[in-house]
Protein backbone atom coordinates (compact mmCIF):
# COMPACT_ATOMS: atom_id res chain seq x y z
CA MET A 1 143.00 -4.57 102.74
CA ASN A 2 143.73 -3.96 106.35
CA ASN A 3 143.56 -0.15 106.31
CA THR A 4 146.42 0.01 103.95
CA GLN A 5 146.27 2.69 100.89
CA THR A 6 145.71 0.96 97.36
CA ARG A 7 146.78 3.14 94.45
CA PHE A 8 145.44 2.98 90.94
CA ASP A 9 145.77 5.30 87.84
CA PHE A 10 142.09 5.53 87.58
CA LEU A 11 139.44 4.99 90.07
CA VAL A 12 135.76 4.63 88.60
CA ILE A 13 133.06 4.53 91.16
CA GLY A 14 130.09 2.65 89.77
CA SER A 15 129.72 -0.36 87.61
CA GLY A 16 126.72 0.67 85.32
CA LEU A 17 126.87 1.54 81.62
CA ALA A 18 128.67 4.81 81.97
CA GLY A 19 131.33 3.76 84.56
CA LEU A 20 132.14 0.51 82.37
CA THR A 21 132.50 2.36 79.23
CA SER A 22 134.84 4.68 80.71
CA ALA A 23 136.89 2.01 82.54
CA LEU A 24 137.25 -0.09 79.42
CA GLU A 25 138.74 2.93 77.39
CA LEU A 26 140.79 4.19 80.28
CA SER A 27 142.58 0.43 80.60
CA LYS A 28 144.35 1.44 77.42
CA HIS A 29 146.38 3.94 79.47
CA GLY A 30 146.66 2.44 82.96
CA ARG A 31 145.39 0.42 85.80
CA VAL A 32 141.80 1.09 86.59
CA LEU A 33 139.75 0.01 89.74
CA VAL A 34 136.02 -0.22 89.23
CA ALA A 35 134.26 -0.32 92.60
CA SER A 36 130.81 -1.44 92.89
CA LYS A 37 128.58 -1.12 96.09
CA VAL A 38 127.32 -4.81 95.57
CA ASP A 39 127.46 -7.11 92.57
CA ALA A 40 128.64 -5.26 89.46
CA SER A 41 125.47 -6.04 87.70
CA GLU A 42 123.07 -4.45 90.16
CA CYS A 43 122.60 -1.06 88.80
CA ASN A 44 120.09 1.05 86.87
CA SER A 45 121.60 0.18 83.45
CA PHE A 46 121.07 -3.47 84.01
CA TYR A 47 117.34 -3.19 84.53
CA ALA A 48 116.88 -0.81 81.60
CA GLN A 49 114.03 -2.40 79.25
CA GLY A 50 113.38 -0.07 76.33
CA GLY A 51 116.66 0.47 74.61
CA ILE A 52 118.99 3.16 73.35
CA ALA A 53 117.99 6.06 71.45
CA CYS A 54 120.03 6.58 68.41
CA VAL A 55 119.48 7.83 64.89
CA VAL A 56 120.14 4.74 62.59
CA ASP A 57 117.18 4.73 60.14
CA ALA A 58 117.29 6.24 56.61
CA ASP A 59 114.17 8.26 57.38
CA ASP A 60 115.36 9.75 60.63
CA THR A 61 117.66 12.37 61.34
CA VAL A 62 119.81 13.84 63.86
CA GLU A 63 117.98 17.08 63.78
CA ALA A 64 114.75 15.29 64.50
CA HIS A 65 116.21 13.45 67.53
CA ILE A 66 117.74 16.78 68.58
CA GLN A 67 114.35 18.54 68.55
CA ASP A 68 112.38 15.75 70.40
CA THR A 69 115.23 15.79 73.10
CA LEU A 70 114.92 19.53 73.34
CA GLY A 71 111.12 19.58 73.07
CA THR A 72 110.83 17.07 76.04
CA GLY A 73 113.56 19.14 77.88
CA ASN A 74 110.99 22.20 78.13
CA GLY A 75 113.36 24.85 77.38
CA LEU A 76 116.24 23.94 79.79
CA GLY A 77 118.27 21.46 77.55
CA ASN A 78 121.57 22.82 76.36
CA PRO A 79 121.28 22.57 72.56
CA ASP A 80 125.17 22.21 72.08
CA VAL A 81 125.19 19.32 74.39
CA VAL A 82 122.24 17.57 73.08
CA ARG A 83 123.82 17.90 69.52
CA GLN A 84 127.23 16.45 70.70
CA ILE A 85 125.68 13.47 72.52
CA VAL A 86 123.13 12.64 69.68
CA GLN A 87 125.76 12.76 67.06
CA GLY A 88 128.12 10.63 69.06
CA GLY A 89 125.51 7.67 69.58
CA PHE A 90 126.16 5.85 66.24
CA GLU A 91 129.74 5.28 66.70
CA ARG A 92 129.05 4.13 70.11
CA ILE A 93 126.36 1.72 68.98
CA ALA A 94 128.82 0.40 66.57
CA GLU A 95 131.52 -0.35 69.21
CA LEU A 96 128.99 -2.09 71.32
CA GLU A 97 128.23 -4.47 68.28
CA LYS A 98 132.28 -5.00 67.77
CA LEU A 99 132.26 -6.13 71.37
CA GLY A 100 129.23 -8.45 70.99
CA VAL A 101 126.19 -6.78 71.61
CA LEU A 102 123.24 -7.92 69.49
CA PHE A 103 120.32 -5.56 68.75
CA ASP A 104 117.13 -6.87 67.51
CA GLN A 105 116.74 -7.00 63.72
CA ARG A 106 113.80 -7.61 61.29
CA LYS A 107 113.20 -7.72 57.51
CA HIS A 108 111.77 -4.37 56.61
CA LYS A 109 110.74 -2.81 53.33
CA GLY A 110 112.19 -5.97 51.60
CA LYS A 111 115.59 -5.47 53.22
CA GLU A 112 117.07 -8.05 55.58
CA ASN A 113 118.97 -7.09 58.75
CA GLU A 114 117.26 -3.85 59.44
CA TYR A 115 117.16 -2.70 63.02
CA ASP A 116 113.77 -3.63 64.66
CA LEU A 117 113.43 -0.06 66.06
CA GLY A 118 110.90 0.82 68.94
CA GLN A 119 109.13 4.03 69.47
CA GLU A 120 108.72 5.53 72.78
CA GLY A 121 106.86 8.52 74.37
CA GLY A 122 108.17 12.04 73.14
CA HIS A 123 110.08 10.51 69.97
CA SER A 124 108.56 11.60 66.63
CA LEU A 125 109.89 8.28 64.87
CA ARG A 126 111.06 4.91 65.61
CA ARG A 127 114.72 5.37 66.69
CA VAL A 128 115.16 3.00 69.93
CA LEU A 129 117.38 0.08 69.35
CA HIS A 130 116.75 -2.72 71.55
CA ALA A 131 117.65 -6.42 72.62
CA GLY A 132 114.33 -7.90 73.41
CA ASP A 133 112.80 -6.09 76.28
CA ILE A 134 116.15 -6.62 78.47
CA THR A 135 118.37 -4.22 76.48
CA GLY A 136 120.28 -3.00 79.67
CA GLN A 137 120.87 -6.45 80.67
CA SER A 138 122.17 -7.59 77.31
CA VAL A 139 124.63 -4.77 77.14
CA MET A 140 125.92 -5.13 80.50
CA GLN A 141 126.32 -8.82 80.46
CA VAL A 142 128.87 -8.10 77.59
CA LEU A 143 130.66 -5.10 79.20
CA ILE A 144 130.92 -6.92 82.56
CA VAL A 145 132.81 -10.05 80.92
CA ARG A 146 134.99 -7.52 78.86
CA ALA A 147 136.07 -5.75 81.98
CA ARG A 148 136.55 -9.01 84.07
CA ALA A 149 138.74 -10.28 81.35
CA ASN A 150 140.56 -7.06 80.76
CA PRO A 151 144.13 -7.39 82.87
CA ASN A 152 144.31 -3.71 83.55
CA ILE A 153 140.80 -3.75 85.07
CA THR A 154 140.11 -4.75 88.61
CA VAL A 155 136.49 -5.02 89.47
CA ARG A 156 136.15 -4.92 93.47
CA GLU A 157 132.23 -5.83 94.46
CA ASN A 158 130.87 -4.96 97.82
CA LEU A 159 133.03 -1.64 98.20
CA MET A 160 130.92 1.38 99.14
CA ALA A 161 132.51 4.72 98.90
CA VAL A 162 132.04 6.77 102.06
CA ASP A 163 133.51 10.19 100.98
CA LEU A 164 135.86 11.71 98.15
CA VAL A 165 139.25 12.69 99.39
CA THR A 166 140.53 16.04 98.35
CA THR A 167 143.96 17.60 99.00
CA GLU A 168 142.25 20.51 100.77
CA TRP A 169 140.67 18.26 103.25
CA ILE A 170 143.77 16.27 103.88
CA GLY A 171 145.77 19.49 103.95
CA HIS A 172 147.84 19.43 101.11
CA SER A 173 149.41 22.68 100.29
CA ARG A 174 148.97 22.59 96.48
CA GLY A 175 145.45 23.50 94.69
CA ASN A 176 142.74 21.69 95.48
CA ARG A 177 141.85 18.38 93.70
CA CYS A 178 140.43 15.00 94.01
CA VAL A 179 143.09 12.16 95.00
CA GLY A 180 140.51 9.36 95.39
CA ALA A 181 138.23 8.37 97.98
CA TYR A 182 137.47 6.27 101.07
CA PHE A 183 135.65 2.80 100.96
CA LEU A 184 133.62 0.67 103.38
CA ASP A 185 134.51 -3.10 102.54
CA LYS A 186 131.10 -4.33 103.12
CA LYS A 187 132.18 -7.85 104.15
CA SER A 188 134.94 -6.86 106.55
CA ASN A 189 133.60 -3.67 107.78
CA GLU A 190 137.06 -2.16 107.04
CA ILE A 191 137.31 1.55 105.83
CA PHE A 192 140.39 2.32 103.72
CA PRO A 193 141.39 5.04 101.18
CA ILE A 194 142.18 4.43 97.58
CA HIS A 195 144.28 6.67 95.65
CA ALA A 196 143.99 7.63 92.01
CA ALA A 197 145.36 10.13 89.58
CA CYS A 198 141.75 10.74 88.38
CA THR A 199 138.47 9.59 89.81
CA VAL A 200 135.30 9.08 87.84
CA LEU A 201 131.75 9.15 89.53
CA ALA A 202 129.55 6.85 87.88
CA THR A 203 127.18 6.07 90.66
CA GLY A 204 123.74 6.38 88.98
CA GLY A 205 120.58 7.48 90.03
CA LEU A 206 118.58 8.25 93.51
CA GLY A 207 115.15 6.52 93.20
CA LYS A 208 115.32 5.10 96.67
CA VAL A 209 115.04 8.46 97.96
CA TYR A 210 111.27 7.59 97.23
CA PRO A 211 109.39 4.53 98.64
CA TYR A 212 107.91 3.63 95.37
CA THR A 213 110.67 3.29 92.66
CA SER A 214 111.65 1.25 89.60
CA ASN A 215 115.34 1.53 90.61
CA PRO A 216 117.28 -1.47 92.46
CA ASP A 217 118.02 -1.10 96.13
CA VAL A 218 121.56 0.37 95.34
CA ALA A 219 120.30 3.71 93.86
CA THR A 220 120.60 6.09 96.92
CA GLY A 221 122.12 9.08 95.36
CA ASP A 222 125.72 8.25 96.78
CA GLY A 223 127.68 10.17 93.98
CA VAL A 224 125.53 13.17 94.24
CA ALA A 225 125.73 13.29 98.07
CA MET A 226 129.45 12.77 98.05
CA ALA A 227 129.99 15.55 95.56
CA TRP A 228 127.94 18.03 97.41
CA ARG A 229 129.95 17.17 100.56
CA ALA A 230 133.19 17.97 98.72
CA GLY A 231 131.94 21.17 97.82
CA LEU A 232 130.73 20.73 94.03
CA PRO A 233 127.86 22.62 92.32
CA VAL A 234 124.65 20.67 91.79
CA ARG A 235 122.12 21.32 89.32
CA ASN A 236 118.31 20.90 88.62
CA MET A 237 117.58 18.46 91.50
CA GLU A 238 114.07 19.26 91.47
CA PHE A 239 113.51 17.24 88.10
CA VAL A 240 112.82 13.70 89.19
CA GLN A 241 111.15 11.62 86.68
CA PHE A 242 108.24 9.56 87.99
CA HIS A 243 108.02 6.51 85.18
CA PRO A 244 104.22 6.33 84.35
CA THR A 245 103.96 2.74 84.40
CA CYS A 246 105.32 0.49 87.28
CA LEU A 247 103.67 -2.91 87.86
CA TYR A 248 101.13 -2.58 90.58
CA HIS A 249 101.03 -6.08 92.55
CA SER A 250 101.62 -6.77 96.13
CA GLN A 251 104.23 -9.32 95.57
CA ALA A 252 106.08 -7.46 92.82
CA LYS A 253 109.03 -5.17 93.66
CA SER A 254 109.99 -2.23 91.39
CA PHE A 255 108.91 -3.94 88.34
CA LEU A 256 108.73 -1.54 85.46
CA ILE A 257 106.60 -1.78 82.32
CA SER A 258 108.56 -0.40 79.66
CA GLU A 259 107.59 2.71 77.78
CA ALA A 260 107.78 0.53 74.64
CA VAL A 261 104.58 -1.09 75.63
CA ARG A 262 102.78 2.28 74.81
CA GLY A 263 105.13 2.49 71.83
CA GLU A 264 103.35 -0.67 70.41
CA GLY A 265 99.95 0.61 70.91
CA ALA A 266 99.02 0.10 74.60
CA GLU A 267 96.36 2.55 75.98
CA LEU A 268 95.97 3.97 79.46
CA LYS A 269 92.58 3.54 80.90
CA ASP A 270 91.08 3.96 84.46
CA ILE A 271 89.93 1.12 86.30
CA ARG A 272 86.37 1.52 84.83
CA GLY A 273 87.68 0.85 81.30
CA ASN A 274 88.01 4.61 80.29
CA THR A 275 90.71 5.94 78.32
CA PHE A 276 91.93 9.14 79.36
CA MET A 277 95.21 10.43 78.07
CA ALA A 278 93.59 12.28 75.14
CA ASP A 279 92.17 14.57 77.81
CA PHE A 280 95.63 15.65 78.85
CA ASP A 281 97.62 15.49 75.63
CA GLU A 282 96.89 15.41 71.84
CA ARG A 283 99.78 12.64 71.65
CA GLY A 284 97.54 10.48 73.83
CA SER A 285 99.37 7.50 75.27
CA LEU A 286 102.41 8.39 73.66
CA ALA A 287 102.80 11.70 75.67
CA PRO A 288 106.16 12.27 77.33
CA ARG A 289 106.55 10.78 80.80
CA ASP A 290 106.08 13.79 83.04
CA VAL A 291 102.57 14.52 81.03
CA THR A 292 101.59 10.74 81.57
CA ALA A 293 102.68 10.47 85.21
CA ARG A 294 100.82 13.54 86.19
CA ALA A 295 97.72 12.41 84.28
CA ILE A 296 97.46 9.11 86.00
CA ASP A 297 98.18 10.69 89.36
CA PHE A 298 95.29 13.21 88.73
CA VAL A 299 93.07 10.03 87.69
CA MET A 300 93.94 8.09 90.79
CA LYS A 301 93.47 10.91 93.19
CA LYS A 302 90.13 12.07 91.25
CA HIS A 303 88.57 8.70 91.78
CA GLY A 304 90.54 7.52 94.71
CA ASP A 305 91.84 4.62 92.84
CA PRO A 306 95.01 2.61 93.86
CA TYR A 307 96.12 2.19 90.23
CA VAL A 308 95.14 2.48 86.48
CA TYR A 309 95.44 -0.11 83.59
CA LEU A 310 97.74 -0.32 80.74
CA ASP A 311 96.00 -2.24 78.10
CA ILE A 312 97.57 -3.98 75.14
CA THR A 313 95.06 -6.97 74.78
CA HIS A 314 94.46 -6.07 71.17
CA ARG A 315 98.08 -7.42 70.25
CA SER A 316 98.21 -11.18 69.73
CA GLU A 317 99.90 -13.31 72.24
CA SER A 318 102.49 -14.55 69.82
CA PHE A 319 103.51 -10.84 69.05
CA LEU A 320 103.67 -10.11 72.99
CA ARG A 321 105.74 -13.22 73.69
CA GLU A 322 108.34 -12.19 70.85
CA ARG A 323 108.45 -8.63 71.40
CA PHE A 324 108.39 -8.56 75.16
CA PRO A 325 109.51 -11.75 76.44
CA ASN A 326 110.68 -10.74 79.90
CA LEU A 327 107.83 -8.48 80.56
CA TYR A 328 105.37 -11.30 79.37
CA ALA A 329 106.88 -13.99 81.59
CA THR A 330 107.07 -11.69 84.65
CA CYS A 331 103.31 -10.48 84.29
CA LEU A 332 102.13 -14.16 83.73
CA ARG A 333 104.11 -15.06 86.88
CA TYR A 334 101.95 -12.67 88.82
CA GLY A 335 98.79 -13.94 87.01
CA ILE A 336 98.53 -11.37 84.41
CA ASN A 337 98.32 -12.39 80.68
CA MET A 338 99.20 -9.18 78.85
CA ALA A 339 97.23 -10.47 75.77
CA LYS A 340 94.20 -11.15 77.85
CA ASN A 341 94.33 -8.86 80.73
CA PRO A 342 95.04 -5.18 81.29
CA ILE A 343 98.16 -4.56 83.50
CA PRO A 344 97.75 -2.65 86.69
CA VAL A 345 100.20 0.36 86.93
CA VAL A 346 101.29 3.28 88.91
CA PRO A 347 103.90 5.78 88.65
CA ALA A 348 107.19 5.34 90.42
CA ALA A 349 110.39 7.37 90.89
CA HIS A 350 112.60 6.37 88.03
CA TYR A 351 115.33 8.93 86.81
CA SER A 352 117.04 11.98 88.14
CA CYS A 353 117.61 14.72 85.38
CA GLY A 354 119.82 16.70 87.98
CA GLY A 355 123.03 15.93 89.40
CA VAL A 356 126.60 17.00 89.57
CA VAL A 357 127.31 19.99 87.22
CA ALA A 358 129.85 18.01 84.52
CA GLU A 359 130.58 18.78 80.89
CA VAL A 360 129.96 15.93 78.14
CA ASN A 361 133.66 15.07 78.72
CA GLY A 362 133.13 14.53 82.41
CA THR A 363 134.94 17.40 83.82
CA THR A 364 133.52 18.99 86.97
CA ALA A 365 134.53 22.01 89.10
CA LEU A 366 137.01 19.75 91.08
CA PRO A 367 140.15 18.87 89.22
CA GLY A 368 140.86 15.26 88.98
CA LEU A 369 137.00 14.43 89.60
CA TYR A 370 134.78 13.50 86.62
CA ALA A 371 131.19 12.45 86.49
CA CYS A 372 129.38 10.59 83.93
CA GLY A 373 125.78 8.86 83.39
CA GLU A 374 122.75 9.50 85.76
CA VAL A 375 124.86 11.21 88.50
CA ALA A 376 125.98 14.21 86.03
CA SER A 377 123.91 17.09 84.96
CA THR A 378 125.28 17.71 81.40
CA GLY A 379 122.44 19.72 79.97
CA LEU A 380 121.29 17.00 77.73
CA HIS A 381 117.86 16.48 79.73
CA GLY A 382 116.85 19.78 80.73
CA ALA A 383 113.57 19.67 82.64
CA ASN A 384 112.60 16.15 81.42
CA ARG A 385 114.23 13.14 79.85
CA LEU A 386 113.26 11.89 76.59
CA ALA A 387 112.85 7.96 76.70
CA SER A 388 115.94 5.93 75.96
CA ASN A 389 118.21 9.05 76.09
CA SER A 390 119.90 7.55 79.28
CA LEU A 391 121.76 4.77 78.06
CA LEU A 392 122.75 7.00 75.12
CA GLU A 393 124.10 9.48 77.40
CA ALA A 394 125.88 7.07 79.49
CA LEU A 395 127.62 5.57 76.44
CA VAL A 396 128.54 8.89 74.78
CA CYS A 397 129.66 10.57 78.03
CA GLY A 398 131.30 7.50 79.58
CA HIS A 399 133.47 7.39 76.17
CA GLU A 400 134.18 11.00 76.27
CA THR A 401 135.29 11.11 80.01
CA ALA A 402 137.72 8.47 79.32
CA LEU A 403 139.15 10.37 76.40
CA GLU A 404 139.42 13.66 78.38
CA ILE A 405 141.27 11.70 81.42
CA SER A 406 143.52 9.96 79.19
CA SER A 407 144.81 13.52 77.91
CA VAL A 408 145.47 15.07 81.05
CA TRP A 409 145.72 12.35 83.96
CA LYS A 410 149.64 12.26 84.01
CA GLN A 411 149.52 16.02 85.23
CA PHE A 412 147.63 14.51 88.33
CA ASN A 413 149.88 11.43 88.84
CA GLU A 414 151.47 12.53 91.92
CA ALA A 415 151.57 10.32 94.98
CA VAL A 416 149.58 11.94 97.76
CA ALA A 417 149.43 10.45 101.24
CA ILE A 418 146.01 9.76 102.28
CA PRO A 419 145.63 9.24 105.97
CA GLY A 420 143.97 6.17 107.32
CA TRP A 421 140.32 6.19 108.38
CA LYS A 422 139.99 7.17 111.94
CA CYS A 423 136.93 6.02 114.07
CA GLY A 424 137.91 8.12 117.11
CA GLU A 425 135.51 7.34 120.09
CA ALA A 426 132.77 5.59 117.90
CA VAL A 427 131.42 2.42 119.07
CA SER A 428 129.18 -0.25 117.65
CA SER A 429 125.31 0.72 117.68
CA ASP A 430 122.67 -1.73 119.20
CA GLU A 431 119.99 0.57 117.80
CA ALA A 432 119.79 -0.19 114.14
CA VAL A 433 115.93 0.49 114.44
CA VAL A 434 116.96 4.14 114.52
CA VAL A 435 118.45 3.91 111.21
CA GLU A 436 115.54 1.90 109.64
CA HIS A 437 113.08 4.51 111.25
CA ASN A 438 114.87 7.37 109.72
CA TRP A 439 115.26 5.67 106.61
CA ASN A 440 111.48 5.28 106.34
CA GLU A 441 110.72 8.75 107.51
CA VAL A 442 113.11 10.36 104.83
CA ARG A 443 111.44 8.45 102.05
CA THR A 444 107.85 8.87 103.29
CA ALA A 445 108.24 12.57 103.56
CA MET A 446 109.70 12.85 99.92
CA TRP A 447 106.66 10.87 98.50
CA ASP A 448 104.16 12.75 100.36
CA TYR A 449 105.41 16.45 99.94
CA VAL A 450 107.93 16.32 97.08
CA GLY A 451 106.14 13.80 94.78
CA ILE A 452 104.51 14.13 91.32
CA VAL A 453 102.64 17.25 92.51
CA ARG A 454 104.09 19.85 94.67
CA THR A 455 103.11 22.96 96.56
CA ASP A 456 104.63 25.66 98.74
CA ARG A 457 103.41 24.40 102.06
CA ARG A 458 104.29 20.74 101.29
CA LEU A 459 107.97 21.66 100.25
CA ALA A 460 108.19 23.92 103.48
CA ARG A 461 107.06 20.82 105.64
CA ALA A 462 109.52 18.53 103.75
CA ARG A 463 112.35 20.98 104.46
CA ALA A 464 111.59 20.99 108.16
CA ARG A 465 111.37 17.36 108.37
CA ILE A 466 114.60 16.59 106.45
CA ARG A 467 116.52 19.38 108.27
CA ASN A 468 115.83 17.55 111.88
CA LEU A 469 116.48 14.12 110.25
CA ARG A 470 120.04 15.35 108.97
CA GLN A 471 120.79 16.48 112.45
CA GLU A 472 119.88 13.36 113.99
CA ILE A 473 121.74 11.37 111.18
CA LYS A 474 124.83 13.67 111.57
CA GLN A 475 125.05 13.21 115.35
CA TYR A 476 124.63 9.25 114.86
CA TYR A 477 127.31 9.15 112.30
CA GLY A 478 129.67 10.75 114.69
CA ASP A 479 128.57 8.50 117.48
CA TYR A 480 128.78 4.88 116.15
CA LEU A 481 130.87 2.99 113.77
CA VAL A 482 130.16 3.36 110.02
CA THR A 483 127.78 0.77 108.42
CA SER A 484 126.39 0.67 104.72
CA ASP A 485 122.79 1.08 105.94
CA LEU A 486 124.18 4.30 107.86
CA LEU A 487 125.97 5.47 104.83
CA GLU A 488 123.03 5.09 102.48
CA LEU A 489 120.65 6.84 105.12
CA ARG A 490 123.30 9.77 105.18
CA ASN A 491 123.29 10.02 101.36
CA ILE A 492 119.34 9.85 100.84
CA ALA A 493 118.81 12.50 103.40
CA ASP A 494 121.37 14.71 101.78
CA VAL A 495 119.93 14.11 98.42
CA ALA A 496 116.37 14.77 99.70
CA GLU A 497 117.68 18.29 101.08
CA LEU A 498 119.04 18.93 97.64
CA VAL A 499 115.64 18.10 95.77
CA ILE A 500 113.54 20.24 98.18
CA ARG A 501 115.86 23.10 98.05
CA SER A 502 116.01 22.98 94.23
CA ALA A 503 112.13 22.69 94.06
CA GLU A 504 111.69 25.71 96.18
CA GLN A 505 114.10 27.69 94.10
CA ARG A 506 111.78 26.92 91.02
CA GLU A 507 108.49 28.88 91.31
CA GLU A 508 106.72 27.74 88.33
CA SER A 509 105.66 24.42 86.68
CA ARG A 510 108.09 22.99 84.00
CA GLY A 511 108.91 19.38 82.86
CA LEU A 512 109.03 17.27 85.85
CA HIS A 513 108.64 20.02 88.42
CA TYR A 514 104.69 20.65 88.69
CA MET A 515 103.73 23.16 91.30
CA ALA A 516 99.80 23.58 92.03
CA ASP A 517 100.68 27.12 93.48
CA HIS A 518 102.69 28.17 90.40
CA PRO A 519 100.99 26.08 87.46
CA GLU A 520 102.32 28.36 84.56
CA PRO A 521 105.90 27.97 83.43
CA ASP A 522 108.13 31.03 83.56
CA SER A 523 108.92 32.88 80.21
CA ASN A 524 112.54 32.94 80.92
CA PRO A 525 113.50 29.63 82.77
CA VAL A 526 116.77 29.23 84.35
CA ASN A 527 118.76 26.20 85.94
CA THR A 528 118.69 25.93 89.64
CA LEU A 529 122.03 25.73 91.30
CA ILE A 530 123.15 24.79 94.71
CA HIS A 531 126.67 25.27 95.62
CA ASP A 532 127.52 25.24 99.34
CA GLN A 533 130.44 24.41 101.70
CA PRO A 534 130.87 20.77 102.14
CA GLY A 535 127.81 19.42 103.84
CA GLY A 536 125.56 22.12 103.16
CA PRO A 537 123.45 24.05 105.62
CA LEU A 538 121.19 22.46 107.99
CA THR A 539 119.19 25.41 108.76
């Protein structure tokens, strides 16, 4: 693009389910740019295995889904938000089916074409729609094809957002609002601005802040970091969900063993073959993820074991091949036959329940900027996410965000000149090892000190380490030309600080945040909030 400004009506940063849902709806009203950091399919949504939680069965109720969600949220879920999102799910499922998504069905109670619903941890009933065990992939493949075929949508890959652009930052005299963002073209290494009347942050999660994660490499918390640097409030960042069951194998990288396996009767056992979940929760292996992850962590540390087992060998090979075709094939590739061998698993960072403060319709504190999906904190999840509510939230909030933007965007449709990117005296770095070293140090500090079980002392150590690293990164960022690796390093360090500071604010144990020094929950829980000047304090 040769450092020239490009203008669209709507800018969607992120190509996951929330981003593409909003883009498809926005395309009815104007020109949309969907900016993807790598391939459009490389996102958390694509790798979601379990499914989409939605009330579609006659034996289920909206009220039951609401209560399961609020119960898992441990007192911090917003009942009005939960109701709106749960109620909105049915229409969004119907829309997906119109677009061509096929959910698994079965003959049930003498009726043909009933949904084959799964049950996962924290749900009181079977209500998870799925497409085999690759639900995210099945949904995303349909939406990506639809987006690429839409004449009003431009999908640009290998575009990494650098920072949001606000009128206050560029010295525009009118009220502060978002007018677009700067992007790095990862192929040409050019940085240029893109102007839009409205910008949607749909950048997904932050799992790569930790060394052990189920997330793909793109999940570096970019949206949360950019929003914080732009001065937006960020909420409940201490609630990082560790999925209990990631495959433990030297050659496997971030492969998740779906919650649905436990829903079909799998039991967690230590390496001596002893079941243990009943010692921690009356729901046993169907306990919510926070309880299950802590139980596994406790058992591993108590015995010095590197993993535990997930055992579903009581199920037949034919059942497992049909219900979990991708899981079965992948485990078999690593020498594990699910029908004959228990699966070695460990917890890994999976999902962020906190994020940029946003409404169900994506509205944030900055006019012109909207946030939906995992990057946003709407109040749905509270202190812990109910399994398969993430794709539900992405669908409903992505749609509601587009509806909100379509009703207001023309008032923001004023051309604002965004200056070209200035490199100053920055030069190319010949010390890439510094970026790699700092990258590893941030992630190691987070795993060691801000993991599944936390203490006051561990958090203080983490804060000191991350503070020093952010100072080094800030200097490095100013001295050398920007690269995608450097941008991701800056973002994971910023997000690490947000997680640590939020964790220090919460002097209790609740949901995904367990403090050994403060094991009891507070009787009056409140949300944690961080709202600094752009960049946040380094001291």
